[in-house]
Amino acid sequence: MAEAWDSGASAWSAERRQAYANDLDADRSLAAVTTHSNRSKADQDPATWMPPHQPSHCRYLEDWTATKLRWHLTVDEDEHIVMQELVAACPDNPLTYTPAP
């Protein structure tokens, strides 16, 4: 939520923030992770945190990007640079998402 707030959610209505926090309509919205991974990530973006399991990086970047696009959230410069560098190692898969209502 803190990352979303910094990426544009601060300008949203309370109802839109609630919809974002409870978004179960997109497969990419929630991912089961260990407590340790969840705590180590906290509110960091890909510029400062990536999953410890390297083979998960591409999926994580796809999910991150799709969520940003779905909710029209911004990406800061450091985040953008790292995402471009990391996605270069990912297979060429089309990114799909459904805009949030």
Protein backbone atom coordinates (compact mmCIF):
# COMPACT_ATOMS: atom_id res chain seq x y z
CA MET A 1 0.00 0.00 0.00
CA ALA A 2 2.83 2.40 0.75
CA GLU A 3 4.33 1.85 -2.71
CA ALA A 4 0.93 2.44 -4.32
CA TRP A 5 0.50 5.60 -2.23
CA ASP A 6 3.85 6.91 -3.49
CA SER A 7 2.92 5.95 -7.06
CA GLY A 8 -0.33 7.86 -7.29
CA ALA A 9 -2.83 6.28 -4.90
CA SER A 10 -2.48 9.28 -2.59
CA ALA A 11 -4.70 11.19 -5.03
CA TRP A 12 -7.37 8.48 -5.11
CA SER A 13 -10.66 8.50 -3.29
CA ALA A 14 -11.02 6.28 -0.24
CA GLU A 15 -13.26 4.01 -2.31
CA ARG A 16 -10.62 3.53 -5.02
CA ARG A 17 -7.91 2.80 -2.45
CA GLN A 18 -10.22 0.22 -0.88
CA ALA A 19 -10.84 -1.35 -4.29
CA TYR A 20 -7.08 -1.56 -4.86
CA ALA A 21 -6.43 -3.07 -1.44
CA ASN A 22 -9.11 -5.70 -1.99
CA ASP A 23 -8.51 -6.39 -5.69
CA LEU A 24 -9.31 -10.07 -6.19
CA ASP A 25 -10.37 -9.69 -9.83
CA ALA A 26 -6.83 -9.88 -11.20
CA ASP A 27 -4.81 -13.07 -10.95
CA ARG A 28 -1.67 -11.01 -10.42
CA SER A 29 -2.96 -9.09 -7.41
CA LEU A 30 -1.93 -11.54 -4.72
CA ALA A 31 0.85 -14.08 -4.52
CA ALA A 32 1.45 -16.51 -1.69
CA VAL A 33 4.88 -15.96 -0.18
CA THR A 34 6.64 -16.83 3.03
CA THR A 35 6.47 -14.50 5.99
CA HIS A 36 10.20 -13.90 5.62
CA SER A 37 9.85 -12.81 1.98
CA ASN A 38 6.91 -10.57 2.77
CA ARG A 39 8.80 -8.86 5.59
CA SER A 40 12.01 -8.48 3.59
CA LYS A 41 10.11 -6.84 0.72
CA ALA A 42 8.02 -4.48 2.85
CA ASP A 43 7.15 -1.49 0.61
CA GLN A 44 10.15 -1.73 -1.71
CA ASP A 45 9.90 -1.69 -5.49
CA PRO A 46 12.06 -3.71 -7.93
CA ALA A 47 14.80 -1.08 -7.74
CA THR A 48 15.57 -2.17 -4.18
CA TRP A 49 14.05 -5.66 -3.79
CA MET A 50 13.58 -8.73 -5.93
CA PRO A 51 12.49 -12.22 -4.89
CA PRO A 52 15.40 -14.24 -3.53
CA HIS A 53 14.58 -17.07 -5.96
CA GLN A 54 16.11 -15.78 -9.21
CA PRO A 55 13.90 -17.91 -11.51
CA SER A 56 10.92 -15.98 -10.09
CA HIS A 57 12.22 -12.59 -11.24
CA CYS A 58 10.48 -12.54 -14.62
CA ARG A 59 7.11 -13.51 -13.18
CA TYR A 60 7.53 -10.91 -10.42
CA LEU A 61 8.34 -8.17 -12.95
CA GLU A 62 5.38 -9.16 -15.12
CA ASP A 63 3.03 -9.06 -12.13
CA TRP A 64 4.49 -5.77 -10.88
CA THR A 65 4.18 -4.11 -14.27
CA ALA A 66 0.67 -5.44 -14.92
CA THR A 67 -0.49 -4.14 -11.53
CA LYS A 68 1.04 -0.71 -12.17
CA LEU A 69 -0.69 -0.57 -15.55
CA ARG A 70 -3.99 -1.96 -14.24
CA TRP A 71 -4.25 0.79 -11.62
CA HIS A 72 -2.52 3.57 -13.63
CA LEU A 73 0.25 3.89 -11.06
CA THR A 74 3.48 5.69 -11.82
CA VAL A 75 7.00 4.25 -11.88
CA ASP A 76 9.87 6.32 -10.53
CA GLU A 77 13.13 6.69 -12.46
CA ASP A 78 15.17 4.16 -10.45
CA GLU A 79 12.36 1.63 -10.63
CA HIS A 80 12.08 2.13 -14.40
CA ILE A 81 15.81 1.72 -15.00
CA VAL A 82 16.05 -1.49 -12.97
CA MET A 83 12.90 -2.91 -14.54
CA GLN A 84 14.30 -2.31 -18.05
CA GLU A 85 17.60 -3.95 -17.11
CA LEU A 86 15.99 -6.98 -15.50
CA VAL A 87 13.29 -7.56 -18.10
CA ALA A 88 15.98 -7.88 -20.78
CA ALA A 89 16.75 -11.31 -19.30
CA CYS A 90 13.11 -12.42 -19.47
CA PRO A 91 11.52 -14.32 -22.33
CA ASP A 92 9.60 -12.24 -24.83
CA ASN A 93 6.08 -12.78 -23.47
CA PRO A 94 3.31 -10.29 -24.16
CA LEU A 95 2.13 -8.56 -21.01
CA THR A 96 -1.61 -8.64 -20.55
CA TYR A 97 -3.75 -6.89 -17.97
CA THR A 98 -7.26 -5.63 -17.51
CA PRO A 99 -7.65 -2.01 -16.43
CA ALA A 100 -9.20 -1.65 -12.99
CA PRO A 101 -12.77 -0.41 -12.91
